[in-house]
Amino acid sequence: DATMLCLDNWVSFVSNVEAGIAHAVGSVMRKCSQNPRKAIATYFLVCFILATGFLQIEEETEGTELWVDVNSIPRQQLDVVASNFGIENRPFSLVVSLQDDSSGENIFVDQAFSELFDLHDAILSLQTSNGNGFEDLCVSAGPGVCLIDSPTAFWAGNSTLYEIDTAGPNPDDLIASTFVSPTYPNGFDVETDITFSNFELQNTVNGTRAFAIGFVARYFLVGEFGGS
């Protein structure tokens, strides 16, 4: 009947295709066995040609590009804002505070600032996967200067200067007296209301000293960059 005829035709077609593939593969194998050097050279040439495609691969680590639909309304709005106003800078905040079980009453001590400078130096030495350093990604505050809003500015963000300045017998008292100043050495105001927690000045037997239970250091990065 028609069904069996259709099935026979299909089986015949499949058999012919398999026979054609087997014949072609067999012919290639025979030629490879007869010319092994040419076969090996051709194999490596094809692999090399195909491998050149990897040169066109570009790494993408920007979350917006990876996860936000390019046709979505939020993405379209973001593109409009970026094209008219540029990409907003990205601040990174480092918060330092007294521990809940701390017996101390003041964050302006050598232990806290020694740890702060260790973290500060570690941040400045970070590199992205494509070799960019912090100075390549930070918001510029002048030639060769990164925009950093941090208490380390009293020592120009330099751990060596800090160590020299606090090498005396009472570094805690020196640090507490340093933060009495309303301005940094570079002339910028010390924004005590947003930088320090519970900041106050107290009169002690050694003079006026600054007291606080915590502070924040802010590092400003450009809004968009490659690498991770």
Protein backbone atom coordinates (compact mmCIF):
# COMPACT_ATOMS: atom_id res chain seq x y z
CA ASP A 1 0.00 0.00 0.00
CA ALA A 2 0.97 3.69 -0.03
CA THR A 3 2.34 3.58 3.51
CA MET A 4 4.71 0.67 2.80
CA LEU A 5 5.82 2.29 -0.47
CA CYS A 6 6.62 5.52 1.35
CA LEU A 7 8.54 3.62 4.03
CA ASP A 8 10.50 1.66 1.41
CA ASN A 9 11.43 4.88 -0.36
CA TRP A 10 12.59 6.44 2.90
CA VAL A 11 14.72 3.41 3.82
CA SER A 12 16.22 3.40 0.33
CA PHE A 13 16.99 7.12 0.59
CA VAL A 14 18.66 6.75 3.99
CA SER A 15 20.67 3.77 2.76
CA ASN A 16 21.90 5.73 -0.26
CA VAL A 17 22.90 8.67 1.94
CA GLU A 18 24.80 6.39 4.35
CA ALA A 19 26.50 4.64 1.42
CA GLY A 20 27.50 8.00 -0.08
CA ILE A 21 28.93 9.22 3.25
CA ALA A 22 30.77 5.94 3.78
CA HIS A 23 32.23 6.10 0.29
CA ALA A 24 33.36 9.73 0.76
CA VAL A 25 34.93 9.03 4.14
CA GLY A 26 36.59 5.93 2.75
CA SER A 27 38.06 7.90 -0.14
CA VAL A 28 39.44 10.55 2.23
CA MET A 29 40.95 7.90 4.50
CA ARG A 30 42.63 6.17 1.56
CA LYS A 31 44.12 9.43 0.34
CA CYS A 32 45.32 10.26 3.87
CA SER A 33 46.99 6.87 4.19
CA GLN A 34 48.66 7.32 0.80
CA ASN A 35 49.86 10.86 1.63
CA PRO A 36 50.33 11.02 5.44
CA ARG A 37 52.52 14.15 5.41
CA LYS A 38 50.02 16.13 3.34
CA ALA A 39 47.20 14.87 5.57
CA ILE A 40 48.94 16.01 8.75
CA ALA A 41 49.90 19.36 7.23
CA THR A 42 46.33 19.92 6.03
CA TYR A 43 45.01 19.03 9.50
CA PHE A 44 47.22 21.60 11.23
CA LEU A 45 46.45 24.22 8.56
CA VAL A 46 42.71 23.82 9.09
CA CYS A 47 43.17 23.98 12.88
CA PHE A 48 45.24 27.16 12.55
CA ILE A 49 42.66 28.82 10.30
CA LEU A 50 39.84 27.98 12.70
CA ALA A 51 41.89 29.10 15.72
CA THR A 52 42.23 32.61 14.29
CA GLY A 53 38.63 33.11 15.31
CA PHE A 54 39.78 33.35 18.93
CA LEU A 55 41.57 36.59 18.03
CA GLN A 56 38.17 38.18 17.50
CA ILE A 57 36.95 37.38 21.02
CA GLU A 58 36.50 40.42 23.26
CA GLU A 59 36.03 40.03 27.00
CA GLU A 60 33.00 41.80 28.46
CA THR A 61 32.72 42.28 32.23
CA GLU A 62 30.34 45.23 32.42
CA GLY A 63 27.20 44.05 34.20
CA THR A 64 24.93 46.36 32.21
CA GLU A 65 26.14 44.90 28.92
CA LEU A 66 25.86 41.32 30.17
CA TRP A 67 22.51 41.28 31.93
CA VAL A 68 20.36 44.20 30.76
CA ASP A 69 18.27 43.71 27.62
CA VAL A 70 19.45 46.24 25.04
CA ASN A 71 15.84 46.76 23.97
CA SER A 72 14.48 47.31 27.48
CA ILE A 73 13.22 50.72 28.57
CA PRO A 74 15.73 51.04 31.49
CA ARG A 75 18.61 50.34 29.08
CA GLN A 76 17.33 52.88 26.57
CA GLN A 77 16.98 55.48 29.33
CA LEU A 78 20.50 54.69 30.56
CA ASP A 79 21.91 55.15 27.06
CA VAL A 80 20.15 58.52 26.71
CA VAL A 81 21.51 59.74 30.05
CA ALA A 82 25.02 58.48 29.25
CA SER A 83 25.04 60.10 25.81
CA ASN A 84 23.95 63.47 27.21
CA PHE A 85 25.66 63.60 30.59
CA GLY A 86 28.35 60.90 30.46
CA ILE A 87 28.83 57.94 32.79
CA GLU A 88 28.61 58.79 36.49
CA ASN A 89 31.70 58.22 38.62
CA ARG A 90 31.68 55.20 40.93
CA PRO A 91 32.76 55.81 44.54
CA PHE A 92 34.09 52.94 46.62
CA SER A 93 33.74 53.43 50.37
CA LEU A 94 35.93 51.91 53.06
CA VAL A 95 34.37 52.14 56.54
CA VAL A 96 36.54 51.89 59.66
CA SER A 97 34.92 51.82 63.10
CA LEU A 98 35.50 50.70 66.66
CA GLN A 99 34.43 47.14 67.35
CA ASP A 100 31.41 46.61 69.59
CA ASP A 101 33.61 44.89 72.17
CA SER A 102 36.38 47.49 71.90
CA SER A 103 37.61 49.02 75.16
CA GLY A 104 38.79 52.12 73.29
CA GLU A 105 36.82 55.35 73.05
CA ASN A 106 38.54 56.94 70.06
CA ILE A 107 39.23 55.85 66.47
CA PHE A 108 42.09 58.35 66.15
CA VAL A 109 44.77 55.90 67.31
CA ASP A 110 47.84 54.40 65.69
CA GLN A 111 46.39 50.87 65.47
CA ALA A 112 43.41 52.03 63.41
CA PHE A 113 45.47 54.21 61.08
CA SER A 114 48.20 51.63 60.61
CA GLU A 115 45.53 49.19 59.42
CA LEU A 116 43.96 51.92 57.28
CA PHE A 117 47.25 52.61 55.52
CA ASP A 118 47.78 48.87 54.94
CA LEU A 119 44.39 48.73 53.19
CA HIS A 120 45.08 52.00 51.39
CA ASP A 121 48.36 50.70 49.96
CA ALA A 122 46.68 47.41 48.98
CA ILE A 123 43.92 49.27 47.10
CA LEU A 124 46.42 51.43 45.22
CA SER A 125 48.36 48.34 44.15
CA LEU A 126 45.33 46.51 42.69
CA GLN A 127 45.33 45.66 38.99
CA THR A 128 42.62 44.54 36.58
CA SER A 129 42.89 41.40 34.49
CA ASN A 130 44.12 43.47 31.53
CA GLY A 131 46.86 45.22 33.51
CA ASN A 132 45.23 48.53 34.43
CA GLY A 133 46.29 49.90 37.80
CA PHE A 134 44.31 52.06 40.21
CA GLU A 135 45.86 55.20 38.75
CA ASP A 136 44.47 54.21 35.33
CA LEU A 137 40.91 53.82 36.64
CA CYS A 138 40.59 56.56 39.24
CA VAL A 139 38.93 59.92 38.77
CA SER A 140 41.68 62.46 38.23
CA ALA A 141 42.13 65.30 40.71
CA GLY A 142 45.08 66.71 38.76
CA PRO A 143 48.12 65.48 36.82
CA GLY A 144 49.09 62.13 38.34
CA VAL A 145 46.70 62.59 41.29
CA CYS A 146 43.67 60.38 42.04
CA LEU A 147 40.54 61.71 43.68
CA ILE A 148 40.50 60.12 47.15
CA ASP A 149 38.55 61.51 50.10
CA SER A 150 40.22 59.88 53.07
CA PRO A 151 41.73 60.78 56.46
CA THR A 152 45.02 59.59 54.97
CA ALA A 153 45.14 62.99 53.25
CA PHE A 154 46.75 64.43 56.39
CA TRP A 155 49.83 62.47 55.32
CA ALA A 156 49.27 62.91 51.56
CA GLY A 157 48.11 59.29 51.36
CA ASN A 158 51.71 58.20 51.93
CA SER A 159 52.27 55.44 54.48
CA THR A 160 55.97 56.28 54.77
CA LEU A 161 55.18 59.86 55.78
CA TYR A 162 52.69 58.53 58.30
CA GLU A 163 55.24 56.16 59.84
CA ILE A 164 57.82 58.95 60.12
CA ASP A 165 55.31 61.37 61.62
CA THR A 166 54.04 58.89 64.22
CA ALA A 167 57.41 57.40 65.17
CA GLY A 168 57.44 59.22 68.51
CA PRO A 169 56.56 57.82 71.94
CA ASN A 170 52.87 58.80 71.82
CA PRO A 171 51.46 58.38 68.28
CA ASP A 172 47.85 58.19 69.50
CA ASP A 173 48.02 61.69 70.99
CA LEU A 174 49.66 63.05 67.83
CA ILE A 175 46.93 61.56 65.61
CA ALA A 176 44.15 62.91 67.83
CA SER A 177 45.70 66.38 67.75
CA THR A 178 46.19 66.23 63.97
CA PHE A 179 42.46 65.89 63.33
CA VAL A 180 41.71 69.05 65.27
CA SER A 181 42.62 70.94 62.11
CA PRO A 182 39.59 71.92 59.98
CA THR A 183 41.59 71.61 56.73
CA TYR A 184 43.91 69.06 55.17
CA PRO A 185 47.49 70.09 54.29
CA ASN A 186 46.38 70.37 50.64
CA GLY A 187 43.92 73.12 51.60
CA PHE A 188 40.70 71.13 51.27
CA ASP A 189 38.19 71.27 54.12
CA VAL A 190 37.82 68.27 56.42
CA GLU A 191 34.15 67.36 56.03
CA THR A 192 33.70 66.06 59.55
CA ASP A 193 29.93 65.62 59.21
CA ILE A 194 30.19 63.04 56.40
CA THR A 195 33.66 61.61 57.03
CA PHE A 196 33.56 60.88 60.77
CA SER A 197 31.03 59.26 63.08
CA ASN A 198 30.26 61.03 66.38
CA PHE A 199 33.06 63.51 65.78
CA GLU A 200 33.80 66.00 68.55
CA LEU A 201 36.64 68.08 69.95
CA GLN A 202 37.52 67.74 73.61
CA ASN A 203 39.82 69.72 75.84
CA THR A 204 42.31 67.43 77.61
CA VAL A 205 45.34 68.00 79.81
CA ASN A 206 47.45 67.87 76.63
CA GLY A 207 45.28 70.36 74.73
CA THR A 208 42.39 70.02 72.29
CA ARG A 209 42.02 66.55 70.83
CA ALA A 210 39.65 65.03 68.24
CA PHE A 211 37.42 62.09 69.11
CA ALA A 212 35.26 59.84 66.90
CA ILE A 213 34.12 56.22 66.79
CA GLY A 214 34.57 55.69 63.06
CA PHE A 215 35.26 57.22 59.67
CA VAL A 216 34.89 56.52 55.97
CA ALA A 217 37.47 56.70 53.18
CA ARG A 218 36.15 57.13 49.62
CA TYR A 219 37.97 56.14 46.44
CA PHE A 220 36.49 57.45 43.18
CA LEU A 221 36.65 55.37 40.00
CA VAL A 222 35.69 56.37 36.49
CA GLY A 223 32.18 55.36 35.49
CA GLU A 224 33.12 52.81 32.83
CA PHE A 225 36.27 50.86 32.09
CA GLY A 226 37.32 47.53 30.60
CA GLY A 227 38.83 44.60 32.50
CA SER A 228 37.78 43.25 35.89
